[in-house]
Amino acid sequence: MIAEIVSIGDEILIGQIVNTNAVFIAKELNKIGIEVGQITSISDRKEHIESCLDEAKKRAQVIILTGGLGPTKDDLTKHTLCSYFKDTLVRNDMILGRIEEMFAKYVPTPINDENRKQALLPSKAKVLDNYFGTASGMWFEEEDRVVISLPGVPFEMKALITNEVIPALQKHYTRPFIIHKTLLTYGLGESVIAERIESWENQLPDDIKLAYLPNLGRVRLRLSGKGTDEVLLNSRIDSEIEKLYPLIGDIIMGFEEEASIEEQLKNQFVNKATTLAIAESCTGGKIANRLTNIPGSSAYFKGGVVAYSTDAKVNLLGVSRDLINEYSVVSAQVAEAMAVGALEKFGTSIGVSTTGNAGPTKGDSDAEIGTVYIGLATVNNVISYELHLGKHRERVLEKAVNKVMELLYKEVF
């Protein structure tokens, strides 16, 4: 089973928005055993939509389009599909009633004829109910191909995929099981990991594939398999994963499908009745943002200080100005003092800090660009880590944040 995803809209092609719709749809299709063979972005033009459909039908059984279903003249998808499938638009009174009710209840401006035209739908299409907007989804069948058109508004599209499209595809097709299991590793680069696991990788069964997904300071290892027996497939993949622990168990920090490292940290902090505070300089709040994106993080994360300037480190965290003058703001000593300051200010079990030169200039320190110190304080101990992370500002910051996640993980697990 192969699917293609087609995102329609000039706003995607000029970089005005990020195409998050395709990511969501691909994940949901994989969960039910439908493999995505291609993702394409095209403009709002009739000839582009038609040629894209012609090509996609040669490769895929399921084609899902998003976008171009609004009431304005630049939204051409519905009319193009009607022409493509040699169909005509007819008024759907049920959809019209829902649109009028939606305007009466939730929209301050009165409904107009352009809005009512949203109830004109191709007669051959199965209508997919959109309860959050005026653009209905449409399901076309031609021979053994299914073409599905959905609105581009993300929350409308997600509801239609979850409530309408996925259940309908499950009924329509007999599908294999596709299983992905992704190990989270922190602390080693892709090439070093590959060297460590080379013999294991060379002996993988032909139907179980390994993919390296490197990031800054972390690498995800994804094992994928496809088959008709879900239990057996799971067991075989788990068996291969077990063989990895003697090789790289020191850097494995869970599974992406089960929980992100931030979720794991929250659960472990809460289970151990341990609390955390953060003092960030060079990372500028990025660590706190990552942690607080997880619901329930307030149960352990008590607060943070972005002490970006020297004065903020002194006035907010109690770092000694003499210490700064002696060692500079980018130093192990200041990182440790910041971590202790965060711990004491918020009364937590653990305090963590970052201070460094991310570039492009050196700021208040002569330390080389790319130098970052991380401080980690507990009620019994304080330690610091010196990192040299390169010259690229964004890479330096992302690597520093990921290193903090790794160190916190090792501290509480």
Protein backbone atom coordinates (compact mmCIF):
# COMPACT_ATOMS: atom_id res chain seq x y z
CA MET A 1 0.00 0.00 0.00
CA ILE A 2 1.55 3.26 -1.20
CA ALA A 3 0.19 6.76 -0.64
CA GLU A 4 1.19 10.17 -1.90
CA ILE A 5 0.56 13.47 -0.15
CA VAL A 6 0.08 16.62 -2.19
CA SER A 7 0.12 20.01 -0.49
CA ILE A 8 -1.45 22.76 -2.58
CA GLY A 9 -0.65 26.42 -2.02
CA ASP A 10 1.69 29.14 -3.19
CA GLU A 11 2.24 30.08 0.47
CA ILE A 12 4.13 26.80 0.92
CA LEU A 13 6.25 27.27 -2.21
CA ILE A 14 7.38 30.79 -1.27
CA GLY A 15 8.24 29.71 2.29
CA GLN A 16 5.47 31.74 3.93
CA ILE A 17 4.28 28.74 5.96
CA VAL A 18 5.82 25.44 7.01
CA ASN A 19 4.14 22.32 5.62
CA THR A 20 3.21 20.61 8.88
CA ASN A 21 0.14 18.96 7.32
CA ALA A 22 2.17 16.44 5.36
CA VAL A 23 4.11 15.41 8.48
CA PHE A 24 0.90 14.70 10.40
CA ILE A 25 -0.74 12.79 7.54
CA ALA A 26 2.35 10.65 6.91
CA LYS A 27 2.51 9.60 10.56
CA GLU A 28 -1.17 8.67 10.66
CA LEU A 29 -0.95 6.66 7.43
CA ASN A 30 2.07 4.74 8.67
CA LYS A 31 0.18 3.77 11.81
CA ILE A 32 -2.34 1.84 9.70
CA GLY A 33 0.18 0.22 7.39
CA ILE A 34 0.08 2.62 4.45
CA GLU A 35 3.54 3.67 3.30
CA VAL A 36 4.07 7.19 1.98
CA GLY A 37 6.04 7.06 -1.25
CA GLN A 38 6.21 10.77 -2.03
CA ILE A 39 5.26 14.18 -0.64
CA THR A 40 4.80 16.99 -3.15
CA SER A 41 4.05 20.71 -2.89
CA ILE A 42 2.44 22.46 -5.85
CA SER A 43 0.93 25.84 -6.67
CA ASP A 44 -2.74 26.76 -6.84
CA ARG A 45 -2.99 26.20 -10.60
CA LYS A 46 -5.35 23.89 -12.43
CA GLU A 47 -2.70 22.46 -14.75
CA HIS A 48 -0.34 21.70 -11.83
CA ILE A 49 -3.04 19.90 -9.85
CA GLU A 50 -4.10 17.83 -12.85
CA SER A 51 -0.58 16.81 -13.89
CA CYS A 52 0.30 15.99 -10.30
CA LEU A 53 -2.72 13.69 -10.04
CA ASP A 54 -1.80 11.98 -13.32
CA GLU A 55 1.70 11.22 -12.04
CA ALA A 56 0.63 10.26 -8.52
CA LYS A 57 -1.90 7.72 -9.83
CA LYS A 58 0.94 5.86 -11.58
CA ARG A 59 2.69 5.30 -8.25
CA ALA A 60 0.14 5.26 -5.44
CA GLN A 61 -3.19 3.74 -4.49
CA VAL A 62 -4.07 6.59 -2.11
CA ILE A 63 -3.56 10.26 -2.96
CA ILE A 64 -4.32 12.87 -0.30
CA LEU A 65 -4.45 16.55 -1.24
CA THR A 66 -4.61 19.42 1.24
CA GLY A 67 -5.37 23.05 0.53
CA GLY A 68 -7.21 25.15 -2.02
CA LEU A 69 -10.73 24.56 -0.71
CA GLY A 70 -11.55 28.05 0.54
CA PRO A 71 -14.36 30.28 -0.77
CA THR A 72 -12.14 32.75 -2.66
CA LYS A 73 -11.23 32.74 -6.35
CA ASP A 74 -7.63 31.64 -5.76
CA ASP A 75 -8.84 28.35 -4.25
CA LEU A 76 -9.18 26.07 -7.28
CA THR A 77 -8.92 22.54 -5.92
CA LYS A 78 -12.62 21.69 -5.79
CA HIS A 79 -13.33 23.00 -9.28
CA THR A 80 -10.23 21.30 -10.68
CA LEU A 81 -11.21 17.95 -9.15
CA CYS A 82 -14.71 18.33 -10.52
CA SER A 83 -13.29 18.86 -14.00
CA TYR A 84 -10.68 16.11 -13.59
CA PHE A 85 -13.28 13.49 -12.66
CA LYS A 86 -15.77 14.80 -15.29
CA ASP A 87 -18.23 15.72 -12.57
CA THR A 88 -20.58 18.60 -11.76
CA LEU A 89 -21.09 20.61 -8.59
CA VAL A 90 -24.39 20.13 -6.77
CA ARG A 91 -25.72 21.80 -3.66
CA ASN A 92 -25.55 19.71 -0.51
CA ASP A 93 -28.38 20.97 1.69
CA MET A 94 -27.04 19.30 4.83
CA ILE A 95 -23.67 21.02 4.42
CA LEU A 96 -25.37 24.32 3.62
CA GLY A 97 -27.40 24.09 6.82
CA ARG A 98 -24.26 23.41 8.84
CA ILE A 99 -22.44 26.39 7.30
CA GLU A 100 -25.37 28.72 8.01
CA GLU A 101 -25.59 27.44 11.58
CA MET A 102 -21.84 27.93 12.05
CA PHE A 103 -22.07 31.56 10.89
CA ALA A 104 -25.09 32.25 13.06
CA LYS A 105 -23.38 30.89 16.18
CA TYR A 106 -19.72 31.72 15.84
CA VAL A 107 -18.99 34.28 13.10
CA PRO A 108 -19.69 37.97 13.79
CA THR A 109 -19.98 38.90 10.10
CA PRO A 110 -23.08 37.79 8.18
CA ILE A 111 -22.87 34.89 5.76
CA ASN A 112 -22.60 35.78 2.07
CA ASP A 113 -23.01 33.94 -1.23
CA GLU A 114 -19.31 33.05 -1.40
CA ASN A 115 -19.64 31.21 1.90
CA ARG A 116 -22.78 29.43 0.70
CA LYS A 117 -20.88 28.20 -2.37
CA GLN A 118 -18.90 25.98 0.00
CA ALA A 119 -21.97 23.72 0.00
CA LEU A 120 -21.54 23.10 -3.75
CA LEU A 121 -19.75 19.76 -3.97
CA PRO A 122 -18.94 17.25 -6.73
CA SER A 123 -21.80 14.77 -7.16
CA LYS A 124 -19.47 11.75 -7.44
CA ALA A 125 -17.55 12.51 -4.27
CA LYS A 126 -18.25 11.06 -0.86
CA VAL A 127 -18.49 14.05 1.48
CA LEU A 128 -16.23 14.01 4.56
CA ASP A 129 -17.84 16.04 7.31
CA ASN A 130 -15.83 19.04 8.54
CA TYR A 131 -17.27 20.18 11.86
CA PHE A 132 -14.70 22.94 12.35
CA GLY A 133 -14.90 24.86 9.08
CA THR A 134 -16.88 25.43 5.90
CA ALA A 135 -14.71 23.35 3.51
CA SER A 136 -15.86 19.73 3.36
CA GLY A 137 -13.46 16.93 2.63
CA MET A 138 -14.04 14.91 -0.54
CA TRP A 139 -13.36 11.24 -1.32
CA PHE A 140 -13.17 10.14 -4.99
CA GLU A 141 -12.76 6.58 -6.23
CA GLU A 142 -11.50 5.66 -9.69
CA GLU A 143 -10.78 1.99 -10.38
CA ASP A 144 -8.52 0.92 -7.51
CA ARG A 145 -7.36 4.47 -6.68
CA VAL A 146 -8.67 6.77 -3.96
CA VAL A 147 -8.19 10.54 -4.17
CA ILE A 148 -8.97 12.48 -1.00
CA SER A 149 -9.14 16.27 -0.83
CA LEU A 150 -8.94 18.03 2.54
CA PRO A 151 -8.81 21.66 3.70
CA GLY A 152 -5.37 23.08 4.38
CA VAL A 153 -6.23 24.61 7.77
CA PRO A 154 -4.28 22.28 10.11
CA PHE A 155 -6.85 21.77 12.87
CA GLU A 156 -9.61 21.13 10.31
CA MET A 157 -7.40 18.71 8.36
CA LYS A 158 -6.33 16.82 11.51
CA ALA A 159 -9.91 16.29 12.63
CA LEU A 160 -10.89 14.98 9.20
CA ILE A 161 -7.90 12.63 9.02
CA THR A 162 -8.59 11.25 12.49
CA ASN A 163 -12.38 11.00 12.36
CA GLU A 164 -13.12 10.36 8.68
CA VAL A 165 -10.13 9.44 6.51
CA ILE A 166 -8.28 6.89 8.63
CA PRO A 167 -11.40 4.86 9.56
CA ALA A 168 -12.54 4.88 5.90
CA LEU A 169 -9.13 3.73 4.62
CA GLN A 170 -9.05 0.94 7.19
CA LYS A 171 -12.37 -0.34 5.88
CA HIS A 172 -11.47 0.13 2.23
CA TYR A 173 -8.09 -1.64 2.09
CA THR A 174 -6.42 -4.72 3.53
CA ARG A 175 -3.06 -3.44 4.74
CA PRO A 176 0.17 -4.84 6.18
CA PHE A 177 1.55 -3.73 9.52
CA ILE A 178 4.32 -1.12 9.47
CA ILE A 179 6.27 -0.83 12.71
CA HIS A 180 8.86 1.82 13.55
CA LYS A 181 10.82 1.82 16.79
CA THR A 182 13.16 4.74 17.35
CA LEU A 183 15.90 4.68 19.97
CA LEU A 184 16.95 8.03 21.44
CA THR A 185 20.70 8.36 21.92
CA TYR A 186 22.59 11.33 23.35
CA GLY A 187 26.27 12.12 23.60
CA LEU A 188 27.87 10.45 20.56
CA GLY A 189 27.92 11.39 16.88
CA GLU A 190 26.50 9.37 14.01
CA SER A 191 29.86 8.07 12.74
CA VAL A 192 31.00 6.90 16.18
CA ILE A 193 27.73 5.06 16.73
CA ALA A 194 27.96 3.46 13.28
CA GLU A 195 31.44 2.19 14.11
CA ARG A 196 30.28 0.72 17.42
CA ILE A 197 27.31 -1.14 15.94
CA GLU A 198 28.78 -2.06 12.55
CA SER A 199 28.80 -5.83 13.14
CA TRP A 200 25.23 -5.74 14.48
CA GLU A 201 24.05 -3.63 11.53
CA ASN A 202 25.65 -5.99 9.01
CA GLN A 203 23.70 -8.91 10.46
CA LEU A 204 20.26 -7.28 10.43
CA PRO A 205 17.58 -9.34 8.62
CA ASP A 206 16.83 -8.04 5.12
CA ASP A 207 13.27 -7.00 6.05
CA ILE A 208 14.31 -4.89 9.07
CA LYS A 209 15.84 -1.56 8.09
CA LEU A 210 17.98 0.81 10.15
CA ALA A 211 18.01 4.58 9.66
CA TYR A 212 20.29 7.11 11.38
CA LEU A 213 18.54 10.38 12.21
CA PRO A 214 21.28 12.72 13.48
CA ASN A 215 20.63 16.00 15.22
CA LEU A 216 22.82 18.38 17.19
CA GLY A 217 24.10 16.41 20.15
CA ARG A 218 21.79 13.45 19.66
CA VAL A 219 21.13 10.68 17.15
CA ARG A 220 17.91 8.73 16.72
CA LEU A 221 18.17 5.16 15.47
CA ARG A 222 14.99 3.96 13.76
CA LEU A 223 14.32 0.30 13.08
CA SER A 224 11.49 -0.34 10.63
CA GLY A 225 9.74 -3.49 9.51
CA LYS A 226 6.68 -4.44 7.48
CA GLY A 227 4.67 -7.67 7.62
CA THR A 228 1.32 -9.38 8.04
CA ASP A 229 1.88 -10.67 11.61
CA GLU A 230 2.08 -7.71 13.99
CA VAL A 231 3.05 -9.74 17.07
CA LEU A 232 5.85 -11.58 15.28
CA LEU A 233 7.15 -8.38 13.68
CA ASN A 234 7.25 -6.58 17.04
CA SER A 235 9.06 -9.50 18.60
CA ARG A 236 11.71 -9.63 15.87
CA ILE A 237 12.42 -5.90 16.07
CA ASP A 238 12.60 -6.05 19.88
CA SER A 239 15.07 -8.92 19.59
CA GLU A 240 17.36 -6.82 17.41
CA ILE A 241 17.09 -3.85 19.78
CA GLU A 242 18.12 -6.03 22.73
CA LYS A 243 21.36 -6.81 20.91
CA LEU A 244 22.17 -3.08 20.82
CA TYR A 245 22.30 -2.54 24.59
CA PRO A 246 25.69 -4.22 25.13
CA LEU A 247 27.08 -2.04 22.32
CA ILE A 248 25.59 1.42 23.02
CA GLY A 249 23.50 1.02 26.17
CA ASP A 250 25.44 3.88 27.79
CA ILE A 251 23.92 6.42 25.37
CA ILE A 252 20.40 4.99 24.89
CA MET A 253 17.77 7.13 26.61
CA GLY A 254 14.48 5.51 25.73
CA PHE A 255 12.21 5.27 22.72
CA GLU A 256 10.76 8.18 20.78
CA GLU A 257 7.43 6.38 20.27
CA GLU A 258 7.00 5.91 24.01
CA ALA A 259 8.11 9.32 25.29
CA SER A 260 10.46 12.15 24.37
CA ILE A 261 13.38 12.80 26.68
CA GLU A 262 11.48 15.79 28.09
CA GLU A 263 8.51 13.57 28.95
CA GLN A 264 10.81 10.98 30.51
CA LEU A 265 12.46 13.68 32.62
CA LYS A 266 9.11 14.95 33.84
CA ASN A 267 7.98 11.48 34.85
CA GLN A 268 11.24 10.63 36.60
CA PHE A 269 11.46 13.96 38.46
CA VAL A 270 7.88 13.54 39.68
CA ASN A 271 8.36 9.87 40.63
CA LYS A 272 11.46 10.75 42.67
CA ALA A 273 9.83 13.85 44.19
CA THR A 274 12.76 15.87 42.82
CA THR A 275 12.52 19.48 41.67
CA LEU A 276 14.46 21.58 39.17
CA ALA A 277 15.38 25.22 38.56
CA ILE A 278 17.36 26.65 35.66
CA ALA A 279 19.69 29.61 35.15
CA GLU A 280 20.29 30.25 31.46
CA SER A 281 22.63 32.72 29.86
CA CYS A 282 23.68 31.78 26.32
CA THR A 283 20.68 29.45 25.75
CA GLY A 284 18.27 32.31 26.49
CA GLY A 285 15.33 30.27 27.83
CA LYS A 286 15.50 27.44 25.31
CA ILE A 287 15.90 24.78 28.01
CA ALA A 288 12.93 26.04 29.99
CA ASN A 289 10.87 26.16 26.81
CA ARG A 290 11.66 22.53 25.96
CA LEU A 291 10.75 21.35 29.46
CA THR A 292 7.57 23.38 29.86
CA ASN A 293 6.19 22.26 26.50
CA ILE A 294 5.32 19.02 28.31
CA PRO A 295 1.96 19.16 30.17
CA GLY A 296 2.37 18.71 33.91
CA SER A 297 5.94 20.04 34.04
CA SER A 298 4.99 22.44 36.85
CA ALA A 299 4.96 19.43 39.18
CA TYR A 300 8.77 19.48 39.20
CA PHE A 301 10.02 22.53 37.27
CA LYS A 302 9.84 25.45 39.67
CA GLY A 303 11.24 28.24 37.55
CA GLY A 304 14.11 29.69 35.61
CA VAL A 305 16.14 32.85 35.21
CA VAL A 306 17.50 34.12 31.90
CA ALA A 307 20.56 35.93 33.24
CA TYR A 308 21.92 37.09 29.91
CA SER A 309 24.04 40.01 31.10
CA THR A 310 26.79 40.10 33.72
CA ASP A 311 24.68 42.33 35.97
CA ALA A 312 21.78 39.86 35.83
CA LYS A 313 24.07 37.04 36.95
CA VAL A 314 25.19 39.14 39.89
CA ASN A 315 21.85 40.69 40.89
CA LEU A 316 19.46 37.82 40.21
CA LEU A 317 21.58 34.76 40.96
CA GLY A 318 24.03 36.12 43.52
CA VAL A 319 27.12 35.32 41.46
CA SER A 320 30.13 37.11 42.94
CA ARG A 321 31.44 39.96 40.82
CA ASP A 322 34.93 39.11 42.03
CA LEU A 323 34.45 35.57 40.71
CA ILE A 324 33.41 36.94 37.33
CA ASN A 325 36.35 39.36 37.23
CA GLU A 326 38.78 36.55 38.05
CA TYR A 327 37.45 33.84 35.73
CA SER A 328 35.12 35.70 33.26
CA VAL A 329 31.42 35.09 32.71
CA VAL A 330 32.16 32.13 30.44
CA SER A 331 33.88 29.80 32.89
CA ALA A 332 33.33 26.66 34.92
CA GLN A 333 33.34 28.69 38.14
CA VAL A 334 30.56 31.02 36.99
CA ALA A 335 28.50 28.15 35.58
CA GLU A 336 28.69 26.39 38.95
CA ALA A 337 27.78 29.58 40.83
CA MET A 338 24.79 30.13 38.53
CA ALA A 339 23.54 26.59 39.10
CA VAL A 340 23.84 27.01 42.86
CA GLY A 341 22.09 30.39 42.60
CA ALA A 342 19.15 28.83 40.73
CA LEU A 343 18.90 25.98 43.24
CA GLU A 344 18.90 28.37 46.20
CA LYS A 345 16.62 30.99 44.61
CA PHE A 346 13.86 28.46 43.91
CA GLY A 347 14.57 26.01 46.73
CA THR A 348 14.89 22.99 44.44
CA SER A 349 16.71 19.66 44.52
CA ILE A 350 18.68 20.39 41.35
CA GLY A 351 19.88 23.55 39.64
CA VAL A 352 21.32 23.64 36.15
CA SER A 353 22.96 26.51 34.28
CA THR A 354 24.45 27.49 30.94
CA THR A 355 26.94 30.21 30.10
CA GLY A 356 28.92 30.52 26.91
CA ASN A 357 29.89 32.32 23.74
CA ALA A 358 27.56 31.22 20.96
CA GLY A 359 28.76 33.96 18.62
CA PRO A 360 29.01 35.74 16.31
CA THR A 361 30.95 38.00 18.76
CA LYS A 362 32.52 37.20 22.12
CA GLY A 363 30.42 39.49 24.30
CA ASP A 364 31.58 39.92 27.91
CA SER A 365 34.20 37.16 27.74
CA ASP A 366 37.37 36.34 25.85
CA ALA A 367 36.44 32.64 25.63
CA GLU A 368 36.46 31.28 22.10
CA ILE A 369 33.17 31.27 20.16
CA GLY A 370 31.50 27.91 20.64
CA THR A 371 32.67 27.50 24.23
CA VAL A 372 29.84 26.63 26.61
CA TYR A 373 29.89 25.67 30.27
CA ILE A 374 27.06 23.79 31.93
CA GLY A 375 26.72 23.80 35.69
CA LEU A 376 24.76 21.20 37.63
CA ALA A 377 24.16 21.64 41.36
CA THR A 378 22.44 19.40 43.89
CA VAL A 379 22.12 19.87 47.64
CA ASN A 380 25.26 17.76 48.05
CA ASN A 381 27.44 18.54 45.05
CA VAL A 382 28.16 20.93 42.20
CA ILE A 383 29.92 20.10 38.95
CA SER A 384 30.53 21.77 35.59
CA TYR A 385 31.13 20.60 32.04
CA GLU A 386 33.20 22.38 29.39
CA LEU A 387 32.00 22.04 25.80
CA HIS A 388 33.43 23.25 22.49
CA LEU A 389 30.58 23.20 20.00
CA GLY A 390 31.82 24.93 16.85
CA LYS A 391 31.27 28.35 15.31
CA HIS A 392 27.67 28.22 14.08
CA ARG A 393 25.44 30.03 16.57
CA GLU A 394 22.27 27.96 16.14
CA ARG A 395 24.19 24.69 16.23
CA VAL A 396 26.03 25.74 19.37
CA LEU A 397 22.80 26.59 21.17
CA GLU A 398 20.94 23.44 20.08
CA LYS A 399 23.87 21.22 21.04
CA ALA A 400 24.06 22.92 24.44
CA VAL A 401 20.34 22.38 25.10
CA ASN A 402 20.56 18.72 24.09
CA LYS A 403 23.59 18.24 26.35
CA VAL A 404 21.62 19.63 29.29
CA MET A 405 18.84 17.12 28.58
CA GLU A 406 21.42 14.32 28.51
CA LEU A 407 23.02 15.42 31.80
CA LEU A 408 19.67 15.77 33.57
CA TYR A 409 18.68 12.32 32.33
CA LYS A 410 21.86 10.79 33.73
CA GLU A 411 21.37 12.65 37.00
CA VAL A 412 17.86 11.43 37.75
CA PHE A 413 17.79 7.96 36.19
